[in-house]
Amino acid sequence: MKRKMKLSCVAVMVALFTFMNVTGLCGQGKIDITAGFGLPDWVNAGIRYQMGQTQVGAAAGFMPVSGERVTSCSLDLWYHFIGTSALSDRRPWYGRFGLAYFHDRKEGSFNDKFLFLETRGGREFNLSENSGIYIDAGLMYKLYSDFGDDPVSKLIFELFWAFPAGGIGFFFRF
């Protein structure tokens, strides 16, 4: 199962990059490269493709923790629906909806895997015509979990079905 989920994240990223390269849209202001920090995507980097006020994006992240390997990957749909900006045709306020896979493991101890449905709302602040900062917040809903015999994780994920989600980051538009 671990190998399948890892391959799924890689396959999503490869498909997205291939699609954007084949369509030849670089240089037309439709591609965003992102870097940020958030939950559940931790320290992350991603890419978004814009079609009108809609964007499709993928990101991969990690959490730098000694002795643990914490990774994530996500696939999101962004819709920019309100407001104006002097530096961009894209509306600054957006809704974001997507799937996030989160994997936390420690050798000889635990190997936790989760799949979440994310819903967020947020705003972009353009710093120039090609760059800006984004910030968002919302909820993520557990769709799947595999956390072994850890009683604390089991209790938390049996009691709660929704968790906070959010992020802050930088984007650069090509």
C-alpha atoms as a PDB file:
ATOM      1  CA  MET A   1       0.000   0.000   0.000  1.00  0.00           C
ATOM      2  CA  LYS A   2       2.869   2.390   0.853  1.00  0.00           C
ATOM      3  CA  ARG A   3       4.438   1.902  -2.561  1.00  0.00           C
ATOM      4  CA  LYS A   4       1.086   2.406  -4.326  1.00  0.00           C
ATOM      5  CA  MET A   5       0.385   5.722  -2.544  1.00  0.00           C
ATOM      6  CA  LYS A   6       3.928   6.964  -3.199  1.00  0.00           C
ATOM      7  CA  LEU A   7       3.607   6.018  -6.865  1.00  0.00           C
ATOM      8  CA  SER A   8       0.197   7.746  -7.011  1.00  0.00           C
ATOM      9  CA  CYS A   9       1.677  11.044  -5.792  1.00  0.00           C
ATOM     10  CA  VAL A  10       4.525  10.776  -8.290  1.00  0.00           C
ATOM     11  CA  ALA A  11       2.103   9.882 -11.107  1.00  0.00           C
ATOM     12  CA  VAL A  12      -0.086  12.949 -10.378  1.00  0.00           C
ATOM     13  CA  MET A  13       2.922  15.276 -10.397  1.00  0.00           C
ATOM     14  CA  VAL A  14       4.373  13.752 -13.605  1.00  0.00           C
ATOM     15  CA  ALA A  15       0.998  13.945 -15.382  1.00  0.00           C
ATOM     16  CA  LEU A  16       0.538  17.596 -14.406  1.00  0.00           C
ATOM     17  CA  PHE A  17       4.057  18.611 -15.490  1.00  0.00           C
ATOM     18  CA  THR A  18       3.676  16.688 -18.766  1.00  0.00           C
ATOM     19  CA  PHE A  19       0.324  18.331 -19.506  1.00  0.00           C
ATOM     20  CA  MET A  20       1.724  21.805 -18.954  1.00  0.00           C
ATOM     21  CA  ASN A  21       4.838  21.173 -21.056  1.00  0.00           C
ATOM     22  CA  VAL A  22       2.896  19.629 -23.939  1.00  0.00           C
ATOM     23  CA  THR A  23       0.451  22.532 -24.137  1.00  0.00           C
ATOM     24  CA  GLY A  24       3.337  25.013 -24.429  1.00  0.00           C
ATOM     25  CA  LEU A  25       1.769  27.687 -22.253  1.00  0.00           C
ATOM     26  CA  CYS A  26       4.841  28.830 -20.371  1.00  0.00           C
ATOM     27  CA  GLY A  27       5.413  32.549 -20.817  1.00  0.00           C
ATOM     28  CA  GLN A  28       1.699  33.338 -21.105  1.00  0.00           C
ATOM     29  CA  GLY A  29       1.099  34.023 -17.378  1.00  0.00           C
ATOM     30  CA  LYS A  30      -0.806  30.797 -16.830  1.00  0.00           C
ATOM     31  CA  ILE A  31       1.716  28.878 -14.715  1.00  0.00           C
ATOM     32  CA  ASP A  32       2.434  29.573 -11.031  1.00  0.00           C
ATOM     33  CA  ILE A  33       5.315  28.022  -9.098  1.00  0.00           C
ATOM     34  CA  THR A  34       4.656  28.061  -5.340  1.00  0.00           C
ATOM     35  CA  ALA A  35       6.564  27.557  -2.099  1.00  0.00           C
ATOM     36  CA  GLY A  36       5.062  27.720   1.338  1.00  0.00           C
ATOM     37  CA  PHE A  37       4.221  26.262   4.717  1.00  0.00           C
ATOM     38  CA  GLY A  38       0.933  24.825   5.927  1.00  0.00           C
ATOM     39  CA  LEU A  39      -1.115  21.969   7.282  1.00  0.00           C
ATOM     40  CA  PRO A  40      -1.212  19.206   6.054  1.00  0.00           C
ATOM     41  CA  ASP A  41       1.341  20.127   3.363  1.00  0.00           C
ATOM     42  CA  TRP A  42       4.077  21.348   5.752  1.00  0.00           C
ATOM     43  CA  VAL A  43       7.091  22.852   3.934  1.00  0.00           C
ATOM     44  CA  ASN A  44       5.936  22.533   0.325  1.00  0.00           C
ATOM     45  CA  ALA A  45       6.520  23.367  -3.306  1.00  0.00           C
ATOM     46  CA  GLY A  46       3.937  23.204  -6.037  1.00  0.00           C
ATOM     47  CA  ILE A  47       2.728  24.228  -9.431  1.00  0.00           C
ATOM     48  CA  ARG A  48      -0.603  25.665 -10.609  1.00  0.00           C
ATOM     49  CA  TYR A  49      -2.072  26.034 -14.087  1.00  0.00           C
ATOM     50  CA  GLN A  50      -4.608  28.831 -14.691  1.00  0.00           C
ATOM     51  CA  MET A  51      -7.673  28.744 -16.952  1.00  0.00           C
ATOM     52  CA  GLY A  52      -9.618  32.004 -16.565  1.00  0.00           C
ATOM     53  CA  GLN A  53     -10.329  32.417 -12.846  1.00  0.00           C
ATOM     54  CA  THR A  54      -9.784  28.693 -12.166  1.00  0.00           C
ATOM     55  CA  GLN A  55      -6.521  26.975 -11.309  1.00  0.00           C
ATOM     56  CA  VAL A  56      -5.518  23.326 -11.023  1.00  0.00           C
ATOM     57  CA  GLY A  57      -2.545  22.651  -8.795  1.00  0.00           C
ATOM     58  CA  ALA A  58      -0.349  19.969  -7.301  1.00  0.00           C
ATOM     59  CA  ALA A  59       2.122  20.216  -4.438  1.00  0.00           C
ATOM     60  CA  ALA A  60       4.504  18.030  -2.470  1.00  0.00           C
ATOM     61  CA  GLY A  61       5.740  18.719   1.022  1.00  0.00           C
ATOM     62  CA  PHE A  62       7.696  17.456   3.997  1.00  0.00           C
ATOM     63  CA  MET A  63       8.184  18.248   7.669  1.00  0.00           C
ATOM     64  CA  PRO A  64      11.813  18.402   8.823  1.00  0.00           C
ATOM     65  CA  VAL A  65      11.654  16.286  11.987  1.00  0.00           C
ATOM     66  CA  SER A  66      14.608  14.372  13.365  1.00  0.00           C
ATOM     67  CA  GLY A  67      14.068  10.618  13.335  1.00  0.00           C
ATOM     68  CA  GLU A  68      10.780  10.789  11.402  1.00  0.00           C
ATOM     69  CA  ARG A  69       9.882  10.941   7.749  1.00  0.00           C
ATOM     70  CA  VAL A  70       6.807  13.120   7.216  1.00  0.00           C
ATOM     71  CA  THR A  71       5.683  13.712   3.616  1.00  0.00           C
ATOM     72  CA  SER A  72       2.579  14.951   1.838  1.00  0.00           C
ATOM     73  CA  CYS A  73       1.215  15.495  -1.636  1.00  0.00           C
ATOM     74  CA  SER A  74      -1.935  17.246  -2.790  1.00  0.00           C
ATOM     75  CA  LEU A  75      -4.049  17.943  -5.838  1.00  0.00           C
ATOM     76  CA  ASP A  76      -6.252  21.057  -5.680  1.00  0.00           C
ATOM     77  CA  LEU A  77      -8.790  23.093  -7.625  1.00  0.00           C
ATOM     78  CA  TRP A  78      -8.733  26.854  -6.940  1.00  0.00           C
ATOM     79  CA  TYR A  79     -11.506  29.246  -7.979  1.00  0.00           C
ATOM     80  CA  HIS A  80     -10.852  33.015  -7.753  1.00  0.00           C
ATOM     81  CA  PHE A  81     -14.275  34.571  -7.319  1.00  0.00           C
ATOM     82  CA  ILE A  82     -14.211  38.070  -5.819  1.00  0.00           C
ATOM     83  CA  GLY A  83     -12.218  41.291  -5.709  1.00  0.00           C
ATOM     84  CA  THR A  84      -9.851  43.074  -8.067  1.00  0.00           C
ATOM     85  CA  SER A  85      -6.125  43.697  -8.225  1.00  0.00           C
ATOM     86  CA  ALA A  86      -4.232  46.449 -10.015  1.00  0.00           C
ATOM     87  CA  LEU A  87      -1.404  43.993 -10.744  1.00  0.00           C
ATOM     88  CA  SER A  88      -3.341  40.966 -12.054  1.00  0.00           C
ATOM     89  CA  ASP A  89      -6.528  40.002 -13.880  1.00  0.00           C
ATOM     90  CA  ARG A  90      -6.918  37.148 -11.400  1.00  0.00           C
ATOM     91  CA  ARG A  91      -9.350  37.961  -8.573  1.00  0.00           C
ATOM     92  CA  PRO A  92      -7.543  37.893  -5.216  1.00  0.00           C
ATOM     93  CA  TRP A  93     -10.148  36.024  -3.095  1.00  0.00           C
ATOM     94  CA  TYR A  94     -10.445  32.291  -3.758  1.00  0.00           C
ATOM     95  CA  GLY A  95     -11.940  29.007  -2.674  1.00  0.00           C
ATOM     96  CA  ARG A  96      -9.790  25.895  -2.743  1.00  0.00           C
ATOM     97  CA  PHE A  97     -10.941  22.277  -2.834  1.00  0.00           C
ATOM     98  CA  GLY A  98      -8.792  19.162  -3.110  1.00  0.00           C
ATOM     99  CA  LEU A  99      -7.271  15.926  -1.882  1.00  0.00           C
ATOM    100  CA  ALA A 100      -4.226  15.650   0.372  1.00  0.00           C
ATOM    101  CA  TYR A 101      -2.233  12.526   1.221  1.00  0.00           C
ATOM    102  CA  PHE A 102      -0.148  12.597   4.400  1.00  0.00           C
ATOM    103  CA  HIS A 103       2.413   9.972   5.474  1.00  0.00           C
ATOM    104  CA  ASP A 104       4.234   9.989   8.830  1.00  0.00           C
ATOM    105  CA  ARG A 105       6.620   7.209   9.752  1.00  0.00           C
ATOM    106  CA  LYS A 106       9.349   6.443  12.234  1.00  0.00           C
ATOM    107  CA  GLU A 107      11.523   3.347  11.780  1.00  0.00           C
ATOM    108  CA  GLY A 108      10.592   0.634  14.270  1.00  0.00           C
ATOM    109  CA  SER A 109       7.744   2.659  15.735  1.00  0.00           C
ATOM    110  CA  PHE A 110       4.817   3.847  13.595  1.00  0.00           C
ATOM    111  CA  ASN A 111       3.752   4.204   9.983  1.00  0.00           C
ATOM    112  CA  ASP A 112       0.658   6.449   9.728  1.00  0.00           C
ATOM    113  CA  LYS A 113      -1.110   7.250   6.430  1.00  0.00           C
ATOM    114  CA  PHE A 114      -4.048   9.576   5.841  1.00  0.00           C
ATOM    115  CA  LEU A 115      -6.109  10.872   2.942  1.00  0.00           C
ATOM    116  CA  PHE A 116      -8.031  14.116   3.463  1.00  0.00           C
ATOM    117  CA  LEU A 117     -10.587  16.129   1.526  1.00  0.00           C
ATOM    118  CA  GLU A 118      -9.633  19.796   1.939  1.00  0.00           C
ATOM    119  CA  THR A 119     -11.787  22.930   1.700  1.00  0.00           C
ATOM    120  CA  ARG A 120     -10.200  26.344   2.186  1.00  0.00           C
ATOM    121  CA  GLY A 121     -10.818  29.992   1.541  1.00  0.00           C
ATOM    122  CA  GLY A 122      -8.071  32.527   1.078  1.00  0.00           C
ATOM    123  CA  ARG A 123      -6.585  35.610  -0.480  1.00  0.00           C
ATOM    124  CA  GLU A 124      -3.646  36.439  -2.702  1.00  0.00           C
ATOM    125  CA  PHE A 125      -1.664  39.653  -2.255  1.00  0.00           C
ATOM    126  CA  ASN A 126       0.139  40.605  -5.462  1.00  0.00           C
ATOM    127  CA  LEU A 127       3.596  42.074  -4.929  1.00  0.00           C
ATOM    128  CA  SER A 128       4.156  42.623  -8.653  1.00  0.00           C
ATOM    129  CA  GLU A 129       2.615  41.476 -11.935  1.00  0.00           C
ATOM    130  CA  ASN A 130       4.502  38.184 -11.578  1.00  0.00           C
ATOM    131  CA  SER A 131       4.652  37.445  -7.853  1.00  0.00           C
ATOM    132  CA  GLY A 132       2.681  37.496  -4.657  1.00  0.00           C
ATOM    133  CA  ILE A 133       1.802  35.941  -1.327  1.00  0.00           C
ATOM    134  CA  TYR A 134      -1.174  33.701  -0.590  1.00  0.00           C
ATOM    135  CA  ILE A 135      -2.797  32.839   2.734  1.00  0.00           C
ATOM    136  CA  ASP A 136      -5.716  30.491   3.335  1.00  0.00           C
ATOM    137  CA  ALA A 137      -7.563  28.578   6.044  1.00  0.00           C
ATOM    138  CA  GLY A 138     -10.270  25.947   6.215  1.00  0.00           C
ATOM    139  CA  LEU A 139     -11.007  22.366   7.178  1.00  0.00           C
ATOM    140  CA  MET A 140      -9.807  18.966   6.076  1.00  0.00           C
ATOM    141  CA  TYR A 141     -12.006  15.901   6.388  1.00  0.00           C
ATOM    142  CA  LYS A 142     -10.538  12.435   6.918  1.00  0.00           C
ATOM    143  CA  LEU A 143     -11.405  10.064   4.063  1.00  0.00           C
ATOM    144  CA  TYR A 144      -8.928   7.304   4.879  1.00  0.00           C
ATOM    145  CA  SER A 145      -6.550   6.494   7.711  1.00  0.00           C
ATOM    146  CA  ASP A 146      -4.132   3.693   8.508  1.00  0.00           C
ATOM    147  CA  PHE A 147      -2.303   4.291  11.772  1.00  0.00           C
ATOM    148  CA  GLY A 148      -1.594   0.825  13.132  1.00  0.00           C
ATOM    149  CA  ASP A 149      -1.865   0.161  16.861  1.00  0.00           C
ATOM    150  CA  ASP A 150      -1.031   3.623  18.208  1.00  0.00           C
ATOM    151  CA  PRO A 151      -3.754   4.240  20.850  1.00  0.00           C
ATOM    152  CA  VAL A 152      -3.367   8.033  20.825  1.00  0.00           C
ATOM    153  CA  SER A 153      -3.772   8.310  17.035  1.00  0.00           C
ATOM    154  CA  LYS A 154      -6.666   5.868  17.156  1.00  0.00           C
ATOM    155  CA  LEU A 155      -8.487   7.923  19.804  1.00  0.00           C
ATOM    156  CA  ILE A 156      -7.922  11.250  18.014  1.00  0.00           C
ATOM    157  CA  PHE A 157      -9.074   9.964  14.635  1.00  0.00           C
ATOM    158  CA  GLU A 158     -12.103   8.178  16.080  1.00  0.00           C
ATOM    159  CA  LEU A 159     -13.280  11.282  17.974  1.00  0.00           C
ATOM    160  CA  PHE A 160     -12.682  13.879  15.263  1.00  0.00           C
ATOM    161  CA  TRP A 161     -13.672  13.771  11.594  1.00  0.00           C
ATOM    162  CA  ALA A 162     -12.494  17.290  10.666  1.00  0.00           C
ATOM    163  CA  PHE A 163      -9.216  19.084  11.339  1.00  0.00           C
ATOM    164  CA  PRO A 164      -7.893  22.601  10.661  1.00  0.00           C
ATOM    165  CA  ALA A 165      -6.096  23.222   7.376  1.00  0.00           C
ATOM    166  CA  GLY A 166      -4.270  26.278   6.159  1.00  0.00           C
ATOM    167  CA  GLY A 167      -1.198  27.704   4.611  1.00  0.00           C
ATOM    168  CA  ILE A 168       0.867  30.698   3.683  1.00  0.00           C
ATOM    169  CA  GLY A 169       3.246  30.937   0.775  1.00  0.00           C
ATOM    170  CA  PHE A 170       4.790  32.725  -2.158  1.00  0.00           C
ATOM    171  CA  PHE A 171       3.928  32.332  -5.834  1.00  0.00           C
ATOM    172  CA  PHE A 172       5.737  33.317  -8.989  1.00  0.00           C
ATOM    173  CA  ARG A 173       3.754  33.554 -12.235  1.00  0.00           C
ATOM    174  CA  PHE A 174       5.290  32.665 -15.633  1.00  0.00           C
END
